[in-house]
């Protein structure tokens, strides 16, 4: 996504209007030049390529646009991991320290002596000492984009950068196809985002997603998850969103409007993304929880149209139990869910509460609620098989 310095927008009263990058001849030419340069640089080092690219950027009249295009393109490039130079540095430092006991006449002589002791030429030693710095990484692959795709990706990155200052995202998902609805809600849950979901007329959904400015803990991490959910939302064909956002150079919140007509590119890989730690946990589950199998969780529709999004569902052949996890920024949602459990609205649900919530004074009374002991469990990061088994037994 774009950094604060690269975000292009203007304020019009209470509205925030992103300066969308349009495929004008000049912008298309700049995007094509950057793509050609980086595609021709496979096998060369990052630092060398960065220097060469500066000529293209300085030759354009739209430096800020060029830097944004470059940021999006290079973020998507694959740079091979440079070889570690840690062992060589340790040997060189030890040899240099030993040589300082009998100093030589000049620094050049000192370097040559250290290199000789390591059986290297002085130039090879100098290169090897810093071989693992970022600018020594070698370009391995460049995305197979054209100029139009790069421009669309830059507009997506602009939206993602602005979302880092969001307090709330209200989405009207008009897609009535249950498959895309289920996948979007699952992606929402896997990003651990705070959301209220309700049924909409015509078979769609209303989603109210809290932004990083509305959570009490780990705002940067939460904002990144919200930004990464946007390409999943863009996979839908009919959607609109209103975002309350405080821009980086602003004081008051403004309203940003988004919808499918902007042509923001969706990413199916992010739509179906599973956190690596969750994937590993699910693989180990059958051995740790005999008799239970993980199945796709189904949204639970409550009277009045509100929708509950379980994180997991477990089946033993006779019944299916839904599991909802509440993490550090789910304080408001936890309070609501406890009230619903107390009212008997969710008989097939058990809840897990992250112990990290105990750091918030507002959460401590909720953690002492007897419902957590009878209808749920506490966990750190991911549920333990033992805690889950005990909750299922209860």
Foldseek 3Di string as FASTA:
>chain_A
DDAQVLFAWDDDPQAIGGPADDPDVQLQVLLQVLQVLLQVQAFQFQLVSVVVCVVSLVVGPCNSSSVLLNVLFVVQFDWDQWDDLVVVLVLLVVLLVVCVVPDDDDPVVSLCVSQVVVVHGSVVSVCSNCCRPRRNTGTHGTDPDHSVVSSLSSSLVSVLNQLLQFFKKKKKQQDQPVVLVLLLLLLCVQLVWAWWWFADPPRIIIIITGGLVNFDPDSVSSSNSVSLSVLSVLVGQWMKMWTFGARPPGDHTHIYIDTNVSVRHHDVCSSNPHPPVVVVVQVCQCVLAPQKHKDRDDWDAFPVGITDRFNTWIDNPPDIAGEHEHEQRCQVVLVVVVVCVVVVGCPRYAYEYEPNNVVDPVCVVVVVPCCCVQRHYYDHPDDDSVRVNVNVVD
